[in-house]
Amino acid sequence: MRVDYKKTIVKIRTELGLSQQGLADLLDVTFQTVNRWENGHFEPTKIAKAKLEQLMKDKDIAPITEEK
């Protein structure tokens, strides 16, 4: 199972009531980085993925996975 980061990041922001800037601040990345993730232009780095996974674990948010 592969995480669909584009959809998962939107889900995290929605469930936590965060703007793209708010999530960027939480993850210590730029607004543009979060925007590019959500638009599917880039995928998070290994470090960002680890931060996202920890955030999801802490907030009990399940990732969205890609279908084959």
PDB file of N, CA and C in Angstrom:
ATOM      1  N   MET A   1       0.838  -1.193   0.000  1.00  0.00           N
ATOM      2  CA  MET A   1       0.000   0.000   0.000  1.00  0.00           C
ATOM      3  C   MET A   1       0.876   1.248   0.000  1.00  0.00           C
ATOM      4  N   ARG A   2       0.597   2.147  -0.883  1.00  0.00           N
ATOM      5  CA  ARG A   2       1.350   3.392  -1.013  1.00  0.00           C
ATOM      6  C   ARG A   2       0.453   4.549  -0.599  1.00  0.00           C
ATOM      7  N   VAL A   3       1.001   5.430   0.225  1.00  0.00           N
ATOM      8  CA  VAL A   3       0.235   6.592   0.695  1.00  0.00           C
ATOM      9  C   VAL A   3       0.079   7.590  -0.443  1.00  0.00           C
ATOM     10  N   ASP A   4      -1.132   8.083  -0.615  1.00  0.00           N
ATOM     11  CA  ASP A   4      -1.414   9.159  -1.568  1.00  0.00           C
ATOM     12  C   ASP A   4      -1.223  10.462  -0.793  1.00  0.00           C
ATOM     13  N   TYR A   5      -0.010  11.015  -0.867  1.00  0.00           N
ATOM     14  CA  TYR A   5       0.308  12.197  -0.063  1.00  0.00           C
ATOM     15  C   TYR A   5      -0.513  13.417  -0.475  1.00  0.00           C
ATOM     16  N   LYS A   6      -0.820  13.529  -1.733  1.00  0.00           N
ATOM     17  CA  LYS A   6      -1.630  14.652  -2.215  1.00  0.00           C
ATOM     18  C   LYS A   6      -2.963  14.708  -1.456  1.00  0.00           C
ATOM     19  N   LYS A   7      -3.658  13.588  -1.397  1.00  0.00           N
ATOM     20  CA  LYS A   7      -4.955  13.539  -0.709  1.00  0.00           C
ATOM     21  C   LYS A   7      -4.800  13.514   0.800  1.00  0.00           C
ATOM     22  N   THR A   8      -3.780  12.838   1.291  1.00  0.00           N
ATOM     23  CA  THR A   8      -3.576  12.728   2.735  1.00  0.00           C
ATOM     24  C   THR A   8      -3.272  14.082   3.358  1.00  0.00           C
ATOM     25  N   ILE A   9      -2.478  14.901   2.691  1.00  0.00           N
ATOM     26  CA  ILE A   9      -2.135  16.216   3.232  1.00  0.00           C
ATOM     27  C   ILE A   9      -3.365  17.104   3.310  1.00  0.00           C
ATOM     28  N   VAL A  10      -4.214  17.047   2.309  1.00  0.00           N
ATOM     29  CA  VAL A  10      -5.474  17.808   2.359  1.00  0.00           C
ATOM     30  C   VAL A  10      -6.328  17.310   3.528  1.00  0.00           C
ATOM     31  N   LYS A  11      -6.391  15.992   3.710  1.00  0.00           N
ATOM     32  CA  LYS A  11      -7.167  15.408   4.810  1.00  0.00           C
ATOM     33  C   LYS A  11      -6.628  15.874   6.161  1.00  0.00           C
ATOM     34  N   ILE A  12      -5.322  15.851   6.332  1.00  0.00           N
ATOM     35  CA  ILE A  12      -4.719  16.299   7.589  1.00  0.00           C
ATOM     36  C   ILE A  12      -5.086  17.749   7.863  1.00  0.00           C
ATOM     37  N   ARG A  13      -4.913  18.595   6.870  1.00  0.00           N
ATOM     38  CA  ARG A  13      -5.227  20.022   7.051  1.00  0.00           C
ATOM     39  C   ARG A  13      -6.689  20.226   7.406  1.00  0.00           C
ATOM     40  N   THR A  14      -7.572  19.521   6.714  1.00  0.00           N
ATOM     41  CA  THR A  14      -9.008  19.664   6.949  1.00  0.00           C
ATOM     42  C   THR A  14      -9.373  19.218   8.358  1.00  0.00           C
ATOM     43  N   GLU A  15      -8.886  18.056   8.757  1.00  0.00           N
ATOM     44  CA  GLU A  15      -9.234  17.533  10.080  1.00  0.00           C
ATOM     45  C   GLU A  15      -8.653  18.382  11.213  1.00  0.00           C
ATOM     46  N   LEU A  16      -7.511  19.016  10.967  1.00  0.00           N
ATOM     47  CA  LEU A  16      -6.901  19.851  12.000  1.00  0.00           C
ATOM     48  C   LEU A  16      -7.290  21.323  11.877  1.00  0.00           C
ATOM     49  N   GLY A  17      -8.034  21.654  10.834  1.00  0.00           N
ATOM     50  CA  GLY A  17      -8.468  23.039  10.638  1.00  0.00           C
ATOM     51  C   GLY A  17      -7.318  23.981  10.342  1.00  0.00           C
ATOM     52  N   LEU A  18      -6.352  23.495   9.573  1.00  0.00           N
ATOM     53  CA  LEU A  18      -5.173  24.290   9.259  1.00  0.00           C
ATOM     54  C   LEU A  18      -5.191  24.795   7.823  1.00  0.00           C
ATOM     55  N   SER A  19      -4.594  25.943   7.620  1.00  0.00           N
ATOM     56  CA  SER A  19      -4.341  26.446   6.272  1.00  0.00           C
ATOM     57  C   SER A  19      -3.060  25.777   5.769  1.00  0.00           C
ATOM     58  N   GLN A  20      -2.740  25.983   4.511  1.00  0.00           N
ATOM     59  CA  GLN A  20      -1.477  25.462   3.997  1.00  0.00           C
ATOM     60  C   GLN A  20      -0.314  26.075   4.777  1.00  0.00           C
ATOM     61  N   GLN A  21      -0.395  27.351   5.091  1.00  0.00           N
ATOM     62  CA  GLN A  21       0.663  28.010   5.862  1.00  0.00           C
ATOM     63  C   GLN A  21       0.750  27.420   7.267  1.00  0.00           C
ATOM     64  N   GLY A  22      -0.396  27.126   7.867  1.00  0.00           N
ATOM     65  CA  GLY A  22      -0.412  26.538   9.203  1.00  0.00           C
ATOM     66  C   GLY A  22       0.270  25.187   9.242  1.00  0.00           C
ATOM     67  N   LEU A  23      -0.018  24.351   8.251  1.00  0.00           N
ATOM     68  CA  LEU A  23       0.629  23.044   8.186  1.00  0.00           C
ATOM     69  C   LEU A  23       2.116  23.212   7.891  1.00  0.00           C
ATOM     70  N   ALA A  24       2.443  24.146   7.020  1.00  0.00           N
ATOM     71  CA  ALA A  24       3.853  24.408   6.702  1.00  0.00           C
ATOM     72  C   ALA A  24       4.620  24.801   7.967  1.00  0.00           C
ATOM     73  N   ASP A  25       4.035  25.664   8.766  1.00  0.00           N
ATOM     74  CA  ASP A  25       4.682  26.085  10.013  1.00  0.00           C
ATOM     75  C   ASP A  25       4.879  24.897  10.952  1.00  0.00           C
ATOM     76  N   LEU A  26       3.871  24.045  11.037  1.00  0.00           N
ATOM     77  CA  LEU A  26       3.924  22.873  11.907  1.00  0.00           C
ATOM     78  C   LEU A  26       5.020  21.897  11.482  1.00  0.00           C
ATOM     79  N   LEU A  27       5.223  21.771  10.175  1.00  0.00           N
ATOM     80  CA  LEU A  27       6.204  20.826   9.640  1.00  0.00           C
ATOM     81  C   LEU A  27       7.565  21.462   9.369  1.00  0.00           C
ATOM     82  N   ASP A  28       7.664  22.766   9.596  1.00  0.00           N
ATOM     83  CA  ASP A  28       8.898  23.514   9.356  1.00  0.00           C
ATOM     84  C   ASP A  28       9.317  23.460   7.886  1.00  0.00           C
ATOM     85  N   VAL A  29       8.323  23.674   7.010  1.00  0.00           N
ATOM     86  CA  VAL A  29       8.571  23.808   5.574  1.00  0.00           C
ATOM     87  C   VAL A  29       7.883  25.091   5.114  1.00  0.00           C
ATOM     88  N   THR A  30       8.028  25.433   3.848  1.00  0.00           N
ATOM     89  CA  THR A  30       7.399  26.652   3.341  1.00  0.00           C
ATOM     90  C   THR A  30       5.963  26.380   2.868  1.00  0.00           C
ATOM     91  N   PHE A  31       5.208  27.446   2.756  1.00  0.00           N
ATOM     92  CA  PHE A  31       3.862  27.377   2.188  1.00  0.00           C
ATOM     93  C   PHE A  31       3.922  26.763   0.790  1.00  0.00           C
ATOM     94  N   GLN A  32       4.903  27.209  -0.005  1.00  0.00           N
ATOM     95  CA  GLN A  32       5.026  26.723  -1.383  1.00  0.00           C
ATOM     96  C   GLN A  32       5.234  25.216  -1.413  1.00  0.00           C
ATOM     97  N   THR A  33       5.960  24.688  -0.446  1.00  0.00           N
ATOM     98  CA  THR A  33       6.200  23.246  -0.388  1.00  0.00           C
ATOM     99  C   THR A  33       4.890  22.498  -0.175  1.00  0.00           C
ATOM    100  N   VAL A  34       4.101  22.926   0.796  1.00  0.00           N
ATOM    101  CA  VAL A  34       2.804  22.276   1.056  1.00  0.00           C
ATOM    102  C   VAL A  34       1.904  22.408  -0.168  1.00  0.00           C
ATOM    103  N   ASN A  35       1.905  23.564  -0.784  1.00  0.00           N
ATOM    104  CA  ASN A  35       1.096  23.795  -1.973  1.00  0.00           C
ATOM    105  C   ASN A  35       1.502  22.844  -3.100  1.00  0.00           C
ATOM    106  N   ARG A  36       2.787  22.650  -3.285  1.00  0.00           N
ATOM    107  CA  ARG A  36       3.271  21.742  -4.340  1.00  0.00           C
ATOM    108  C   ARG A  36       2.911  20.296  -4.037  1.00  0.00           C
ATOM    109  N   TRP A  37       2.942  19.919  -2.759  1.00  0.00           N
ATOM    110  CA  TRP A  37       2.524  18.561  -2.381  1.00  0.00           C
ATOM    111  C   TRP A  37       1.062  18.352  -2.723  1.00  0.00           C
ATOM    112  N   GLU A  38       0.231  19.329  -2.338  1.00  0.00           N
ATOM    113  CA  GLU A  38      -1.214  19.191  -2.560  1.00  0.00           C
ATOM    114  C   GLU A  38      -1.578  19.210  -4.035  1.00  0.00           C
ATOM    115  N   ASN A  39      -0.795  19.901  -4.827  1.00  0.00           N
ATOM    116  CA  ASN A  39      -1.074  19.961  -6.259  1.00  0.00           C
ATOM    117  C   ASN A  39      -0.441  18.800  -7.019  1.00  0.00           C
ATOM    118  N   GLY A  40       0.260  17.935  -6.298  1.00  0.00           N
ATOM    119  CA  GLY A  40       0.850  16.756  -6.912  1.00  0.00           C
ATOM    120  C   GLY A  40       2.108  17.021  -7.707  1.00  0.00           C
ATOM    121  N   HIS A  41       2.710  18.199  -7.536  1.00  0.00           N
ATOM    122  CA  HIS A  41       3.934  18.517  -8.270  1.00  0.00           C
ATOM    123  C   HIS A  41       5.158  17.840  -7.652  1.00  0.00           C
ATOM    124  N   PHE A  42       5.120  17.671  -6.341  1.00  0.00           N
ATOM    125  CA  PHE A  42       6.221  17.029  -5.617  1.00  0.00           C
ATOM    126  C   PHE A  42       5.658  16.142  -4.529  1.00  0.00           C
ATOM    127  N   GLU A  43       6.480  15.203  -4.059  1.00  0.00           N
ATOM    128  CA  GLU A  43       6.135  14.372  -2.909  1.00  0.00           C
ATOM    129  C   GLU A  43       7.018  14.816  -1.751  1.00  0.00           C
ATOM    130  N   PRO A  44       6.536  14.674  -0.524  1.00  0.00           N
ATOM    131  CA  PRO A  44       7.358  15.064   0.621  1.00  0.00           C
ATOM    132  C   PRO A  44       8.679  14.287   0.659  1.00  0.00           C
ATOM    133  N   THR A  45       9.695  14.922   1.235  1.00  0.00           N
ATOM    134  CA  THR A  45      10.984  14.264   1.443  1.00  0.00           C
ATOM    135  C   THR A  45      10.825  13.204   2.532  1.00  0.00           C
ATOM    136  N   LYS A  46      11.846  12.389   2.727  1.00  0.00           N
ATOM    137  CA  LYS A  46      11.798  11.368   3.776  1.00  0.00           C
ATOM    138  C   LYS A  46      11.586  12.006   5.143  1.00  0.00           C
ATOM    139  N   ILE A  47      12.248  13.127   5.388  1.00  0.00           N
ATOM    140  CA  ILE A  47      12.107  13.818   6.677  1.00  0.00           C
ATOM    141  C   ILE A  47      10.683  14.336   6.841  1.00  0.00           C
ATOM    142  N   ALA A  48      10.133  14.945   5.791  1.00  0.00           N
ATOM    143  CA  ALA A  48       8.766  15.468   5.853  1.00  0.00           C
ATOM    144  C   ALA A  48       7.761  14.328   6.013  1.00  0.00           C
ATOM    145  N   LYS A  49       8.005  13.205   5.338  1.00  0.00           N
ATOM    146  CA  LYS A  49       7.108  12.049   5.473  1.00  0.00           C
ATOM    147  C   LYS A  49       7.101  11.554   6.913  1.00  0.00           C
ATOM    148  N   ALA A  50       8.271  11.518   7.536  1.00  0.00           N
ATOM    149  CA  ALA A  50       8.360  11.076   8.937  1.00  0.00           C
ATOM    150  C   ALA A  50       7.582  12.030   9.844  1.00  0.00           C
ATOM    151  N   LYS A  51       7.685  13.331   9.587  1.00  0.00           N
ATOM    152  CA  LYS A  51       6.944  14.318  10.382  1.00  0.00           C
ATOM    153  C   LYS A  51       5.441  14.163  10.170  1.00  0.00           C
ATOM    154  N   LEU A  52       5.036  13.936   8.925  1.00  0.00           N
ATOM    155  CA  LEU A  52       3.620  13.727   8.620  1.00  0.00           C
ATOM    156  C   LEU A  52       3.094  12.469   9.291  1.00  0.00           C
ATOM    157  N   GLU A  53       3.874  11.393   9.242  1.00  0.00           N
ATOM    158  CA  GLU A  53       3.457  10.141   9.873  1.00  0.00           C
ATOM    159  C   GLU A  53       3.307  10.309  11.380  1.00  0.00           C
ATOM    160  N   GLN A  54       4.226  11.036  12.001  1.00  0.00           N
ATOM    161  CA  GLN A  54       4.138  11.263  13.442  1.00  0.00           C
ATOM    162  C   GLN A  54       2.918  12.120  13.777  1.00  0.00           C
ATOM    163  N   LEU A  55       2.657  13.133  12.963  1.00  0.00           N
ATOM    164  CA  LEU A  55       1.486  13.992  13.167  1.00  0.00           C
ATOM    165  C   LEU A  55       0.202  13.181  13.053  1.00  0.00           C
ATOM    166  N   MET A  56       0.124  12.303  12.037  1.00  0.00           N
ATOM    167  CA  MET A  56      -1.061  11.465  11.866  1.00  0.00           C
ATOM    168  C   MET A  56      -1.225  10.517  13.046  1.00  0.00           C
ATOM    169  N   LYS A  57      -0.117   9.968  13.529  1.00  0.00           N
ATOM    170  CA  LYS A  57      -0.178   9.071  14.675  1.00  0.00           C
ATOM    171  C   LYS A  57      -0.663   9.822  15.913  1.00  0.00           C
ATOM    172  N   ASP A  58      -0.103  10.996  16.162  1.00  0.00           N
ATOM    173  CA  ASP A  58      -0.469  11.802  17.333  1.00  0.00           C
ATOM    174  C   ASP A  58      -1.937  12.232  17.306  1.00  0.00           C
ATOM    175  N   LYS A  59      -2.441  12.528  16.110  1.00  0.00           N
ATOM    176  CA  LYS A  59      -3.810  13.045  15.969  1.00  0.00           C
ATOM    177  C   LYS A  59      -4.799  11.972  15.531  1.00  0.00           C
ATOM    178  N   ASP A  60      -4.335  10.726  15.434  1.00  0.00           N
ATOM    179  CA  ASP A  60      -5.182   9.587  15.048  1.00  0.00           C
ATOM    180  C   ASP A  60      -5.877   9.833  13.695  1.00  0.00           C
ATOM    181  N   ILE A  61      -5.067  10.175  12.711  1.00  0.00           N
ATOM    182  CA  ILE A  61      -5.557  10.411  11.351  1.00  0.00           C
ATOM    183  C   ILE A  61      -4.978   9.323  10.457  1.00  0.00           C
ATOM    184  N   ALA A  62      -5.849   8.600   9.763  1.00  0.00           N
ATOM    185  CA  ALA A  62      -5.387   7.527   8.868  1.00  0.00           C
ATOM    186  C   ALA A  62      -5.012   8.108   7.515  1.00  0.00           C
ATOM    187  N   PRO A  63      -3.915   7.628   6.931  1.00  0.00           N
ATOM    188  CA  PRO A  63      -3.534   8.097   5.597  1.00  0.00           C
ATOM    189  C   PRO A  63      -4.483   7.560   4.538  1.00  0.00           C
ATOM    190  N   ILE A  64      -4.514   8.241   3.408  1.00  0.00           N
ATOM    191  CA  ILE A  64      -5.273   7.778   2.249  1.00  0.00           C
ATOM    192  C   ILE A  64      -4.277   7.045   1.370  1.00  0.00           C
ATOM    193  N   THR A  65      -4.624   5.834   0.960  1.00  0.00           N
ATOM    194  CA  THR A  65      -3.711   5.057   0.144  1.00  0.00           C
ATOM    195  C   THR A  65      -4.164   5.032  -1.312  1.00  0.00           C
ATOM    196  N   GLU A  66      -3.186   4.824  -2.173  1.00  0.00           N
ATOM    197  CA  GLU A  66      -3.468   4.764  -3.616  1.00  0.00           C
ATOM    198  C   GLU A  66      -4.014   3.388  -3.953  1.00  0.00           C
ATOM    199  N   GLU A  67      -4.956   3.362  -4.866  1.00  0.00           N
ATOM    200  CA  GLU A  67      -5.501   2.092  -5.342  1.00  0.00           C
ATOM    201  C   GLU A  67      -4.696   1.637  -6.538  1.00  0.00           C
ATOM    202  N   LYS A  68      -4.556   0.327  -6.683  1.00  0.00           N
ATOM    203  CA  LYS A  68      -3.813  -0.210  -7.831  1.00  0.00           C
ATOM    204  C   LYS A  68      -4.735  -0.487  -8.978  1.00  0.00           C
TER     205      LYS A  68
END
